[in-house]
Amino acid sequence: MTISIAHITVDCRDAAALAGFWAELLGQPVDSEAGPEFATVGRTADLAPILMFIQVPERTPGKNAIHLDLHAPDWREQARRAIELGAERIGEFDEWGSQWITLADPEGNLFDIAAG
């Protein structure tokens, strides 16, 4: 028996709006049932794992312990594009033989875009 990742779930205030940010960044559609309480990206586009956004009354305080690491050959350009879409630049790093930029999505969830 094997186990696999089905979803990466993000707690948020507005599921459809945050799914829209991630869909645009990843060049994927928001799945059709999206609303303020629940939305997914990737189910209809065969993206794995699927990103799932669920509205919660309160976010867990503090830094998110799990975050997405995205890789792109044009990583600096992709970071600029993320900022144009509403992300906030947190910092740039060159450590452990890798270079990346840490950003926060419109609801403050951290993610990285690295050289790749």
PDB file of N, CA and C in Angstrom:
ATOM      1  N   MET A   1       0.847  -1.178   0.000  1.00  0.00           N
ATOM      2  CA  MET A   1       0.000   0.000   0.000  1.00  0.00           C
ATOM      3  C   MET A   1       0.887   1.234   0.000  1.00  0.00           C
ATOM      4  N   THR A   2       0.544   2.236  -0.824  1.00  0.00           N
ATOM      5  CA  THR A   2       1.297   3.483  -0.866  1.00  0.00           C
ATOM      6  C   THR A   2       0.397   4.628  -0.447  1.00  0.00           C
ATOM      7  N   ILE A   3       1.022   5.692  -0.056  1.00  0.00           N
ATOM      8  CA  ILE A   3       0.293   6.901   0.318  1.00  0.00           C
ATOM      9  C   ILE A   3       0.796   8.027  -0.571  1.00  0.00           C
ATOM     10  N   SER A   4      -0.103   8.937  -0.921  1.00  0.00           N
ATOM     11  CA  SER A   4       0.287  10.047  -1.785  1.00  0.00           C
ATOM     12  C   SER A   4      -0.384  11.328  -1.310  1.00  0.00           C
ATOM     13  N   ILE A   5       0.154  12.441  -1.750  1.00  0.00           N
ATOM     14  CA  ILE A   5      -0.422  13.743  -1.401  1.00  0.00           C
ATOM     15  C   ILE A   5      -1.561  14.026  -2.374  1.00  0.00           C
ATOM     16  N   ALA A   6      -2.751  14.238  -1.852  1.00  0.00           N
ATOM     17  CA  ALA A   6      -3.917  14.526  -2.677  1.00  0.00           C
ATOM     18  C   ALA A   6      -4.132  16.032  -2.824  1.00  0.00           C
ATOM     19  N   HIS A   7      -3.981  16.762  -1.723  1.00  0.00           N
ATOM     20  CA  HIS A   7      -4.233  18.208  -1.702  1.00  0.00           C
ATOM     21  C   HIS A   7      -3.175  18.903  -0.873  1.00  0.00           C
ATOM     22  N   ILE A   8      -2.915  20.121  -1.208  1.00  0.00           N
ATOM     23  CA  ILE A   8      -2.231  21.040  -0.306  1.00  0.00           C
ATOM     24  C   ILE A   8      -3.311  22.038   0.071  1.00  0.00           C
ATOM     25  N   THR A   9      -3.671  22.071   1.347  1.00  0.00           N
ATOM     26  CA  THR A   9      -4.810  22.855   1.813  1.00  0.00           C
ATOM     27  C   THR A   9      -4.347  24.146   2.462  1.00  0.00           C
ATOM     28  N   VAL A  10      -5.006  25.244   2.088  1.00  0.00           N
ATOM     29  CA  VAL A  10      -4.682  26.561   2.613  1.00  0.00           C
ATOM     30  C   VAL A  10      -5.912  27.110   3.311  1.00  0.00           C
ATOM     31  N   ASP A  11      -5.791  27.393   4.611  1.00  0.00           N
ATOM     32  CA  ASP A  11      -6.858  28.070   5.343  1.00  0.00           C
ATOM     33  C   ASP A  11      -6.838  29.545   4.946  1.00  0.00           C
ATOM     34  N   CYS A  12      -8.016  30.137   4.719  1.00  0.00           N
ATOM     35  CA  CYS A  12      -8.040  31.516   4.243  1.00  0.00           C
ATOM     36  C   CYS A  12      -9.368  32.197   4.561  1.00  0.00           C
ATOM     37  N   ARG A  13      -9.434  33.490   4.250  1.00  0.00           N
ATOM     38  CA  ARG A  13     -10.657  34.267   4.450  1.00  0.00           C
ATOM     39  C   ARG A  13     -11.597  34.142   3.255  1.00  0.00           C
ATOM     40  N   ASP A  14     -11.050  34.182   2.030  1.00  0.00           N
ATOM     41  CA  ASP A  14     -11.861  34.132   0.814  1.00  0.00           C
ATOM     42  C   ASP A  14     -11.243  33.105  -0.134  1.00  0.00           C
ATOM     43  N   ALA A  15     -11.815  31.923  -0.160  1.00  0.00           N
ATOM     44  CA  ALA A  15     -11.245  30.811  -0.913  1.00  0.00           C
ATOM     45  C   ALA A  15     -11.160  31.113  -2.408  1.00  0.00           C
ATOM     46  N   ALA A  16     -12.211  31.661  -2.989  1.00  0.00           N
ATOM     47  CA  ALA A  16     -12.208  31.916  -4.434  1.00  0.00           C
ATOM     48  C   ALA A  16     -11.161  32.953  -4.812  1.00  0.00           C
ATOM     49  N   ALA A  17     -11.041  34.013  -4.023  1.00  0.00           N
ATOM     50  CA  ALA A  17     -10.070  35.063  -4.333  1.00  0.00           C
ATOM     51  C   ALA A  17      -8.641  34.540  -4.239  1.00  0.00           C
ATOM     52  N   LEU A  18      -8.339  33.789  -3.191  1.00  0.00           N
ATOM     53  CA  LEU A  18      -6.981  33.278  -3.038  1.00  0.00           C
ATOM     54  C   LEU A  18      -6.682  32.204  -4.074  1.00  0.00           C
ATOM     55  N   ALA A  19      -7.674  31.379  -4.404  1.00  0.00           N
ATOM     56  CA  ALA A  19      -7.493  30.398  -5.480  1.00  0.00           C
ATOM     57  C   ALA A  19      -7.208  31.113  -6.795  1.00  0.00           C
ATOM     58  N   GLY A  20      -7.852  32.254  -7.011  1.00  0.00           N
ATOM     59  CA  GLY A  20      -7.612  33.034  -8.224  1.00  0.00           C
ATOM     60  C   GLY A  20      -6.178  33.508  -8.333  1.00  0.00           C
ATOM     61  N   PHE A  21      -5.600  33.957  -7.211  1.00  0.00           N
ATOM     62  CA  PHE A  21      -4.193  34.371  -7.204  1.00  0.00           C
ATOM     63  C   PHE A  21      -3.300  33.209  -7.608  1.00  0.00           C
ATOM     64  N   TRP A  22      -3.470  32.059  -6.936  1.00  0.00           N
ATOM     65  CA  TRP A  22      -2.617  30.907  -7.206  1.00  0.00           C
ATOM     66  C   TRP A  22      -2.842  30.350  -8.610  1.00  0.00           C
ATOM     67  N   ALA A  23      -4.080  30.348  -9.096  1.00  0.00           N
ATOM     68  CA  ALA A  23      -4.365  29.876 -10.448  1.00  0.00           C
ATOM     69  C   ALA A  23      -3.638  30.741 -11.473  1.00  0.00           C
ATOM     70  N   GLU A  24      -3.702  32.039 -11.301  1.00  0.00           N
ATOM     71  CA  GLU A  24      -3.038  32.951 -12.223  1.00  0.00           C
ATOM     72  C   GLU A  24      -1.528  32.760 -12.177  1.00  0.00           C
ATOM     73  N   LEU A  25      -0.970  32.638 -10.982  1.00  0.00           N
ATOM     74  CA  LEU A  25       0.474  32.461 -10.840  1.00  0.00           C
ATOM     75  C   LEU A  25       0.942  31.167 -11.501  1.00  0.00           C
ATOM     76  N   LEU A  26       0.175  30.089 -11.338  1.00  0.00           N
ATOM     77  CA  LEU A  26       0.565  28.788 -11.865  1.00  0.00           C
ATOM     78  C   LEU A  26       0.081  28.546 -13.302  1.00  0.00           C
ATOM     79  N   GLY A  27      -0.686  29.484 -13.853  1.00  0.00           N
ATOM     80  CA  GLY A  27      -1.196  29.308 -15.207  1.00  0.00           C
ATOM     81  C   GLY A  27      -2.198  28.178 -15.318  1.00  0.00           C
ATOM     82  N   GLN A  28      -3.007  28.003 -14.283  1.00  0.00           N
ATOM     83  CA  GLN A  28      -4.016  26.950 -14.229  1.00  0.00           C
ATOM     84  C   GLN A  28      -5.380  27.579 -13.959  1.00  0.00           C
ATOM     85  N   PRO A  29      -6.460  26.901 -14.323  1.00  0.00           N
ATOM     86  CA  PRO A  29      -7.783  27.454 -14.026  1.00  0.00           C
ATOM     87  C   PRO A  29      -8.213  27.171 -12.581  1.00  0.00           C
ATOM     88  N   VAL A  30      -9.052  28.053 -12.065  1.00  0.00           N
ATOM     89  CA  VAL A  30      -9.743  27.760 -10.806  1.00  0.00           C
ATOM     90  C   VAL A  30     -10.854  26.789 -11.178  1.00  0.00           C
ATOM     91  N   ASP A  31     -11.012  25.717 -10.416  1.00  0.00           N
ATOM     92  CA  ASP A  31     -12.048  24.733 -10.708  1.00  0.00           C
ATOM     93  C   ASP A  31     -13.432  25.359 -10.533  1.00  0.00           C
ATOM     94  N   SER A  32     -14.405  24.858 -11.253  1.00  0.00           N
ATOM     95  CA  SER A  32     -15.702  25.519 -11.444  1.00  0.00           C
ATOM     96  C   SER A  32     -16.533  25.743 -10.186  1.00  0.00           C
ATOM     97  N   GLU A  33     -16.388  24.956  -9.152  1.00  0.00           N
ATOM     98  CA  GLU A  33     -17.259  25.106  -7.966  1.00  0.00           C
ATOM     99  C   GLU A  33     -16.771  26.171  -6.989  1.00  0.00           C
ATOM    100  N   ALA A  34     -15.812  26.990  -7.363  1.00  0.00           N
ATOM    101  CA  ALA A  34     -15.195  27.956  -6.448  1.00  0.00           C
ATOM    102  C   ALA A  34     -16.204  28.939  -5.866  1.00  0.00           C
ATOM    103  N   GLY A  35     -16.055  29.179  -4.576  1.00  0.00           N
ATOM    104  CA  GLY A  35     -16.851  30.175  -3.871  1.00  0.00           C
ATOM    105  C   GLY A  35     -16.047  30.706  -2.709  1.00  0.00           C
ATOM    106  N   PRO A  36     -16.591  31.630  -1.936  1.00  0.00           N
ATOM    107  CA  PRO A  36     -15.834  32.218  -0.830  1.00  0.00           C
ATOM    108  C   PRO A  36     -15.449  31.210   0.260  1.00  0.00           C
ATOM    109  N   GLU A  37     -16.171  30.082   0.354  1.00  0.00           N
ATOM    110  CA  GLU A  37     -15.888  29.109   1.403  1.00  0.00           C
ATOM    111  C   GLU A  37     -14.989  27.957   0.968  1.00  0.00           C
ATOM    112  N   PHE A  38     -14.982  27.629  -0.336  1.00  0.00           N
ATOM    113  CA  PHE A  38     -14.220  26.476  -0.806  1.00  0.00           C
ATOM    114  C   PHE A  38     -13.849  26.662  -2.268  1.00  0.00           C
ATOM    115  N   ALA A  39     -12.611  26.376  -2.606  1.00  0.00           N
ATOM    116  CA  ALA A  39     -12.165  26.438  -4.003  1.00  0.00           C
ATOM    117  C   ALA A  39     -10.964  25.520  -4.180  1.00  0.00           C
ATOM    118  N   THR A  40     -10.792  25.037  -5.420  1.00  0.00           N
ATOM    119  CA  THR A  40      -9.619  24.226  -5.739  1.00  0.00           C
ATOM    120  C   THR A  40      -9.004  24.717  -7.041  1.00  0.00           C
ATOM    121  N   VAL A  41      -7.721  24.417  -7.181  1.00  0.00           N
ATOM    122  CA  VAL A  41      -6.984  24.684  -8.413  1.00  0.00           C
ATOM    123  C   VAL A  41      -6.289  23.382  -8.778  1.00  0.00           C
ATOM    124  N   GLY A  42      -6.523  22.911  -9.985  1.00  0.00           N
ATOM    125  CA  GLY A  42      -5.793  21.758 -10.468  1.00  0.00           C
ATOM    126  C   GLY A  42      -6.590  20.490 -10.656  1.00  0.00           C
ATOM    127  N   ARG A  43      -7.762  20.392 -10.084  1.00  0.00           N
ATOM    128  CA  ARG A  43      -8.533  19.156 -10.233  1.00  0.00           C
ATOM    129  C   ARG A  43      -8.918  18.931 -11.687  1.00  0.00           C
ATOM    130  N   THR A  44      -9.392  19.966 -12.365  1.00  0.00           N
ATOM    131  CA  THR A  44      -9.797  19.803 -13.766  1.00  0.00           C
ATOM    132  C   THR A  44      -8.616  19.917 -14.726  1.00  0.00           C
ATOM    133  N   ALA A  45      -7.478  20.408 -14.262  1.00  0.00           N
ATOM    134  CA  ALA A  45      -6.302  20.561 -15.133  1.00  0.00           C
ATOM    135  C   ALA A  45      -5.282  19.458 -14.910  1.00  0.00           C
ATOM    136  N   ASP A  46      -5.625  18.464 -14.089  1.00  0.00           N
ATOM    137  CA  ASP A  46      -4.729  17.342 -13.826  1.00  0.00           C
ATOM    138  C   ASP A  46      -3.421  17.789 -13.177  1.00  0.00           C
ATOM    139  N   LEU A  47      -3.498  18.764 -12.291  1.00  0.00           N
ATOM    140  CA  LEU A  47      -2.352  19.222 -11.513  1.00  0.00           C
ATOM    141  C   LEU A  47      -2.266  18.347 -10.273  1.00  0.00           C
ATOM    142  N   ALA A  48      -1.085  17.926  -9.915  1.00  0.00           N
ATOM    143  CA  ALA A  48      -0.946  17.111  -8.712  1.00  0.00           C
ATOM    144  C   ALA A  48       0.203  17.650  -7.882  1.00  0.00           C
ATOM    145  N   PRO A  49       0.039  17.851  -6.618  1.00  0.00           N
ATOM    146  CA  PRO A  49      -1.229  17.741  -5.893  1.00  0.00           C
ATOM    147  C   PRO A  49      -2.146  18.937  -6.173  1.00  0.00           C
ATOM    148  N   ILE A  50      -3.396  18.754  -5.876  1.00  0.00           N
ATOM    149  CA  ILE A  50      -4.399  19.804  -6.056  1.00  0.00           C
ATOM    150  C   ILE A  50      -4.263  20.815  -4.924  1.00  0.00           C
ATOM    151  N   LEU A  51      -4.372  22.104  -5.262  1.00  0.00           N
ATOM    152  CA  LEU A  51      -4.405  23.136  -4.228  1.00  0.00           C
ATOM    153  C   LEU A  51      -5.858  23.317  -3.788  1.00  0.00           C
ATOM    154  N   MET A  52      -6.107  23.256  -2.487  1.00  0.00           N
ATOM    155  CA  MET A  52      -7.457  23.388  -1.957  1.00  0.00           C
ATOM    156  C   MET A  52      -7.477  24.548  -0.964  1.00  0.00           C
ATOM    157  N   PHE A  53      -8.466  25.415  -1.084  1.00  0.00           N
ATOM    158  CA  PHE A  53      -8.593  26.602  -0.245  1.00  0.00           C
ATOM    159  C   PHE A  53      -9.895  26.503   0.529  1.00  0.00           C
ATOM    160  N   ILE A  54      -9.801  26.640   1.851  1.00  0.00           N
ATOM    161  CA  ILE A  54     -10.975  26.503   2.712  1.00  0.00           C
ATOM    162  C   ILE A  54     -11.072  27.722   3.621  1.00  0.00           C
ATOM    163  N   GLN A  55     -12.259  28.330   3.627  1.00  0.00           N
ATOM    164  CA  GLN A  55     -12.490  29.481   4.495  1.00  0.00           C
ATOM    165  C   GLN A  55     -12.543  29.029   5.950  1.00  0.00           C
ATOM    166  N   VAL A  56     -11.822  29.729   6.814  1.00  0.00           N
ATOM    167  CA  VAL A  56     -11.836  29.445   8.246  1.00  0.00           C
ATOM    168  C   VAL A  56     -12.122  30.742   8.995  1.00  0.00           C
ATOM    169  N   PRO A  57     -12.721  30.651  10.188  1.00  0.00           N
ATOM    170  CA  PRO A  57     -13.042  31.876  10.923  1.00  0.00           C
ATOM    171  C   PRO A  57     -11.793  32.627  11.401  1.00  0.00           C
ATOM    172  N   GLU A  58     -10.719  31.892  11.730  1.00  0.00           N
ATOM    173  CA  GLU A  58      -9.479  32.524  12.184  1.00  0.00           C
ATOM    174  C   GLU A  58      -8.299  31.726  11.670  1.00  0.00           C
ATOM    175  N   ARG A  59      -7.305  32.435  11.182  1.00  0.00           N
ATOM    176  CA  ARG A  59      -6.064  31.776  10.778  1.00  0.00           C
ATOM    177  C   ARG A  59      -5.278  31.392  12.012  1.00  0.00           C
ATOM    178  N   THR A  60      -4.509  30.340  11.891  1.00  0.00           N
ATOM    179  CA  THR A  60      -3.580  29.988  12.955  1.00  0.00           C
ATOM    180  C   THR A  60      -2.531  31.090  13.022  1.00  0.00           C
ATOM    181  N   PRO A  61      -2.264  31.641  14.196  1.00  0.00           N
ATOM    182  CA  PRO A  61      -1.296  32.740  14.276  1.00  0.00           C
ATOM    183  C   PRO A  61       0.136  32.272  13.997  1.00  0.00           C
ATOM    184  N   GLY A  62       0.958  33.188  13.519  1.00  0.00           N
ATOM    185  CA  GLY A  62       2.374  32.901  13.298  1.00  0.00           C
ATOM    186  C   GLY A  62       2.657  32.443  11.884  1.00  0.00           C
ATOM    187  N   LYS A  63       3.908  32.112  11.644  1.00  0.00           N
ATOM    188  CA  LYS A  63       4.381  31.691  10.326  1.00  0.00           C
ATOM    189  C   LYS A  63       3.806  30.325   9.974  1.00  0.00           C
ATOM    190  N   ASN A  64       3.442  30.157   8.695  1.00  0.00           N
ATOM    191  CA  ASN A  64       2.994  28.830   8.276  1.00  0.00           C
ATOM    192  C   ASN A  64       4.188  27.879   8.266  1.00  0.00           C
ATOM    193  N   ALA A  65       4.005  26.709   8.822  1.00  0.00           N
ATOM    194  CA  ALA A  65       5.101  25.755   8.967  1.00  0.00           C
ATOM    195  C   ALA A  65       5.401  25.019   7.672  1.00  0.00           C
ATOM    196  N   ILE A  66       4.439  24.905   6.782  1.00  0.00           N
ATOM    197  CA  ILE A  66       4.624  24.254   5.496  1.00  0.00           C
ATOM    198  C   ILE A  66       4.369  25.303   4.428  1.00  0.00           C
ATOM    199  N   HIS A  67       5.214  25.329   3.416  1.00  0.00           N
ATOM    200  CA  HIS A  67       5.014  26.295   2.343  1.00  0.00           C
ATOM    201  C   HIS A  67       5.386  25.673   1.001  1.00  0.00           C
ATOM    202  N   LEU A  68       4.950  26.296  -0.075  1.00  0.00           N
ATOM    203  CA  LEU A  68       5.254  25.815  -1.419  1.00  0.00           C
ATOM    204  C   LEU A  68       6.608  26.350  -1.866  1.00  0.00           C
ATOM    205  N   ASP A  69       7.405  25.486  -2.468  1.00  0.00           N
ATOM    206  CA  ASP A  69       8.644  25.877  -3.132  1.00  0.00           C
ATOM    207  C   ASP A  69       8.408  25.705  -4.622  1.00  0.00           C
ATOM    208  N   LEU A  70       8.417  26.799  -5.347  1.00  0.00           N
ATOM    209  CA  LEU A  70       8.236  26.772  -6.791  1.00  0.00           C
ATOM    210  C   LEU A  70       9.598  26.990  -7.442  1.00  0.00           C
ATOM    211  N   HIS A  71       9.848  26.336  -8.567  1.00  0.00           N
ATOM    212  CA  HIS A  71      11.112  26.482  -9.294  1.00  0.00           C
ATOM    213  C   HIS A  71      10.805  26.953 -10.701  1.00  0.00           C
ATOM    214  N   ALA A  72      11.657  27.841 -11.232  1.00  0.00           N
ATOM    215  CA  ALA A  72      11.493  28.328 -12.603  1.00  0.00           C
ATOM    216  C   ALA A  72      12.837  28.803 -13.129  1.00  0.00           C
ATOM    217  N   PRO A  73      13.130  28.550 -14.400  1.00  0.00           N
ATOM    218  CA  PRO A  73      14.377  29.050 -14.971  1.00  0.00           C
ATOM    219  C   PRO A  73      14.452  30.583 -14.896  1.00  0.00           C
ATOM    220  N   ASP A  74      13.306  31.239 -15.096  1.00  0.00           N
ATOM    221  CA  ASP A  74      13.236  32.701 -15.010  1.00  0.00           C
ATOM    222  C   ASP A  74      12.655  33.123 -13.654  1.00  0.00           C
ATOM    223  N   TRP A  75      13.228  32.592 -12.594  1.00  0.00           N
ATOM    224  CA  TRP A  75      12.673  32.744 -11.245  1.00  0.00           C
ATOM    225  C   TRP A  75      12.513  34.193 -10.809  1.00  0.00           C
ATOM    226  N   ARG A  76      13.439  35.062 -11.161  1.00  0.00           N
ATOM    227  CA  ARG A  76      13.293  36.476 -10.774  1.00  0.00           C
ATOM    228  C   ARG A  76      12.098  37.111 -11.496  1.00  0.00           C
ATOM    229  N   GLU A  77      11.920  36.784 -12.760  1.00  0.00           N
ATOM    230  CA  GLU A  77      10.780  37.296 -13.516  1.00  0.00           C
ATOM    231  C   GLU A  77       9.476  36.759 -12.927  1.00  0.00           C
ATOM    232  N   GLN A  78       9.453  35.488 -12.552  1.00  0.00           N
ATOM    233  CA  GLN A  78       8.251  34.907 -11.951  1.00  0.00           C
ATOM    234  C   GLN A  78       7.943  35.553 -10.597  1.00  0.00           C
ATOM    235  N   ALA A  79       8.971  35.893  -9.845  1.00  0.00           N
ATOM    236  CA  ALA A  79       8.756  36.600  -8.570  1.00  0.00           C
ATOM    237  C   ALA A  79       8.167  37.983  -8.832  1.00  0.00           C
ATOM    238  N   ARG A  80       8.678  38.685  -9.848  1.00  0.00           N
ATOM    239  CA  ARG A  80       8.112  39.998 -10.212  1.00  0.00           C
ATOM    240  C   ARG A  80       6.638  39.853 -10.606  1.00  0.00           C
ATOM    241  N   ARG A  81       6.340  38.804 -11.368  1.00  0.00           N
ATOM    242  CA  ARG A  81       4.959  38.558 -11.786  1.00  0.00           C
ATOM    243  C   ARG A  81       4.064  38.277 -10.585  1.00  0.00           C
ATOM    244  N   ALA A  82       4.571  37.497  -9.633  1.00  0.00           N
ATOM    245  CA  ALA A  82       3.801  37.207  -8.412  1.00  0.00           C
ATOM    246  C   ALA A  82       3.481  38.498  -7.662  1.00  0.00           C
ATOM    247  N   ILE A  83       4.453  39.395  -7.594  1.00  0.00           N
ATOM    248  CA  ILE A  83       4.238  40.678  -6.910  1.00  0.00           C
ATOM    249  C   ILE A  83       3.185  41.497  -7.650  1.00  0.00           C
ATOM    250  N   GLU A  84       3.241  41.496  -8.983  1.00  0.00           N
ATOM    251  CA  GLU A  84       2.219  42.201  -9.770  1.00  0.00           C
ATOM    252  C   GLU A  84       0.827  41.625  -9.520  1.00  0.00           C
ATOM    253  N   LEU A  85       0.748  40.320  -9.226  1.00  0.00           N
ATOM    254  CA  LEU A  85      -0.538  39.673  -8.960  1.00  0.00           C
ATOM    255  C   LEU A  85      -1.035  39.914  -7.538  1.00  0.00           C
ATOM    256  N   GLY A  86      -0.176  40.473  -6.671  1.00  0.00           N
ATOM    257  CA  GLY A  86      -0.609  40.780  -5.309  1.00  0.00           C
ATOM    258  C   GLY A  86       0.243  40.197  -4.202  1.00  0.00           C
ATOM    259  N   ALA A  87       1.312  39.481  -4.548  1.00  0.00           N
ATOM    260  CA  ALA A  87       2.208  38.930  -3.518  1.00  0.00           C
ATOM    261  C   ALA A  87       3.075  40.042  -2.924  1.00  0.00           C
ATOM    262  N   GLU A  88       3.604  39.777  -1.760  1.00  0.00           N
ATOM    263  CA  GLU A  88       4.532  40.694  -1.094  1.00  0.00           C
ATOM    264  C   GLU A  88       5.907  40.038  -1.030  1.00  0.00           C
ATOM    265  N   ARG A  89       6.944  40.788  -1.396  1.00  0.00           N
ATOM    266  CA  ARG A  89       8.316  40.277  -1.335  1.00  0.00           C
ATOM    267  C   ARG A  89       8.787  40.309   0.118  1.00  0.00           C
ATOM    268  N   ILE A  90       9.230  39.157   0.630  1.00  0.00           N
ATOM    269  CA  ILE A  90       9.702  39.055   2.007  1.00  0.00           C
ATOM    270  C   ILE A  90      11.223  39.138   2.062  1.00  0.00           C
ATOM    271  N   GLY A  91      11.924  38.445   1.178  1.00  0.00           N
ATOM    272  CA  GLY A  91      13.384  38.483   1.185  1.00  0.00           C
ATOM    273  C   GLY A  91      13.963  37.625   0.086  1.00  0.00           C
ATOM    274  N   GLU A  92      15.253  37.823  -0.164  1.00  0.00           N
ATOM    275  CA  GLU A  92      15.969  37.040  -1.166  1.00  0.00           C
ATOM    276  C   GLU A  92      17.123  36.327  -0.486  1.00  0.00           C
ATOM    277  N   PHE A  93      17.363  35.072  -0.890  1.00  0.00           N
ATOM    278  CA  PHE A  93      18.331  34.237  -0.195  1.00  0.00           C
ATOM    279  C   PHE A  93      19.242  33.517  -1.178  1.00  0.00           C
ATOM    280  N   ASP A  94      20.463  33.262  -0.745  1.00  0.00           N
ATOM    281  CA  ASP A  94      21.458  32.510  -1.507  1.00  0.00           C
ATOM    282  C   ASP A  94      22.170  31.629  -0.486  1.00  0.00           C
ATOM    283  N   GLU A  95      21.627  30.439  -0.265  1.00  0.00           N
ATOM    284  CA  GLU A  95      22.136  29.539   0.762  1.00  0.00           C
ATOM    285  C   GLU A  95      22.064  28.095   0.274  1.00  0.00           C
ATOM    286  N   TRP A  96      22.898  27.238   0.827  1.00  0.00           N
ATOM    287  CA  TRP A  96      22.878  25.805   0.563  1.00  0.00           C
ATOM    288  C   TRP A  96      22.951  25.479  -0.932  1.00  0.00           C
ATOM    289  N   GLY A  97      23.639  26.342  -1.689  1.00  0.00           N
ATOM    290  CA  GLY A  97      23.776  26.120  -3.118  1.00  0.00           C
ATOM    291  C   GLY A  97      22.544  26.470  -3.929  1.00  0.00           C
ATOM    292  N   SER A  98      21.611  27.186  -3.344  1.00  0.00           N
ATOM    293  CA  SER A  98      20.374  27.578  -4.029  1.00  0.00           C
ATOM    294  C   SER A  98      20.123  29.065  -3.862  1.00  0.00           C
ATOM    295  N   GLN A  99      19.397  29.611  -4.817  1.00  0.00           N
ATOM    296  CA  GLN A  99      18.946  31.001  -4.730  1.00  0.00           C
ATOM    297  C   GLN A  99      17.428  31.011  -4.823  1.00  0.00           C
ATOM    298  N   TRP A 100      16.793  31.839  -3.980  1.00  0.00           N
ATOM    299  CA  TRP A 100      15.338  31.936  -4.025  1.00  0.00           C
ATOM    300  C   TRP A 100      14.866  33.250  -3.435  1.00  0.00           C
ATOM    301  N   ILE A 101      13.625  33.565  -3.744  1.00  0.00           N
ATOM    302  CA  ILE A 101      12.943  34.734  -3.190  1.00  0.00           C
ATOM    303  C   ILE A 101      11.748  34.215  -2.411  1.00  0.00           C
ATOM    304  N   THR A 102      11.616  34.667  -1.178  1.00  0.00           N
ATOM    305  CA  THR A 102      10.450  34.325  -0.358  1.00  0.00           C
ATOM    306  C   THR A 102       9.424  35.427  -0.512  1.00  0.00           C
ATOM    307  N   LEU A 103       8.181  35.004  -0.742  1.00  0.00           N
ATOM    308  CA  LEU A 103       7.064  35.924  -0.933  1.00  0.00           C
ATOM    309  C   LEU A 103       5.920  35.512  -0.022  1.00  0.00           C
ATOM    310  N   ALA A 104       4.938  36.395   0.109  1.00  0.00           N
ATOM    311  CA  ALA A 104       3.695  36.075   0.812  1.00  0.00           C
ATOM    312  C   ALA A 104       2.553  36.319  -0.163  1.00  0.00           C
ATOM    313  N   ASP A 105       1.617  35.368  -0.233  1.00  0.00           N
ATOM    314  CA  ASP A 105       0.460  35.557  -1.108  1.00  0.00           C
ATOM    315  C   ASP A 105      -0.451  36.636  -0.513  1.00  0.00           C
ATOM    316  N   PRO A 106      -1.543  37.015  -1.185  1.00  0.00           N
ATOM    317  CA  PRO A 106      -2.379  38.114  -0.684  1.00  0.00           C
ATOM    318  C   PRO A 106      -2.951  37.920   0.721  1.00  0.00           C
ATOM    319  N   GLU A 107      -2.963  36.691   1.252  1.00  0.00           N
ATOM    320  CA  GLU A 107      -3.435  36.477   2.620  1.00  0.00           C
ATOM    321  C   GLU A 107      -2.293  36.187   3.583  1.00  0.00           C
ATOM    322  N   GLY A 108      -1.053  36.380   3.137  1.00  0.00           N
ATOM    323  CA  GLY A 108       0.089  36.252   4.025  1.00  0.00           C
ATOM    324  C   GLY A 108       0.754  34.896   4.087  1.00  0.00           C
ATOM    325  N   ASN A 109       0.318  33.929   3.283  1.00  0.00           N
ATOM    326  CA  ASN A 109       0.944  32.599   3.259  1.00  0.00           C
ATOM    327  C   ASN A 109       2.268  32.676   2.517  1.00  0.00           C
ATOM    328  N   LEU A 110       3.328  32.196   3.153  1.00  0.00           N
ATOM    329  CA  LEU A 110       4.651  32.261   2.549  1.00  0.00           C
ATOM    330  C   LEU A 110       4.845  31.207   1.481  1.00  0.00           C
ATOM    331  N   PHE A 111       5.620  31.556   0.444  1.00  0.00           N
ATOM    332  CA  PHE A 111       6.047  30.612  -0.579  1.00  0.00           C
ATOM    333  C   PHE A 111       7.353  31.120  -1.160  1.00  0.00           C
ATOM    334  N   ASP A 112       8.094  30.215  -1.802  1.00  0.00           N
ATOM    335  CA  ASP A 112       9.382  30.551  -2.393  1.00  0.00           C
ATOM    336  C   ASP A 112       9.343  30.312  -3.894  1.00  0.00           C
ATOM    337  N   ILE A 113      10.061  31.161  -4.621  1.00  0.00           N
ATOM    338  CA  ILE A 113      10.329  30.913  -6.039  1.00  0.00           C
ATOM    339  C   ILE A 113      11.835  30.861  -6.155  1.00  0.00           C
ATOM    340  N   ALA A 114      12.328  29.709  -6.637  1.00  0.00           N
ATOM    341  CA  ALA A 114      13.772  29.468  -6.682  1.00  0.00           C
ATOM    342  C   ALA A 114      14.251  29.266  -8.111  1.00  0.00           C
ATOM    343  N   ALA A 115      15.562  29.436  -8.266  1.00  0.00           N
ATOM    344  CA  ALA A 115      16.198  29.132  -9.541  1.00  0.00           C
ATOM    345  C   ALA A 115      16.020  27.656  -9.799  1.00  0.00           C
ATOM    346  N   GLY A 116      15.659  27.310 -11.018  1.00  0.00           N
ATOM    347  CA  GLY A 116      15.447  25.889 -11.259  1.00  0.00           C
ATOM    348  C   GLY A 116      15.398  25.506 -12.675  1.00  0.00           C
TER     349      GLY A 116
END
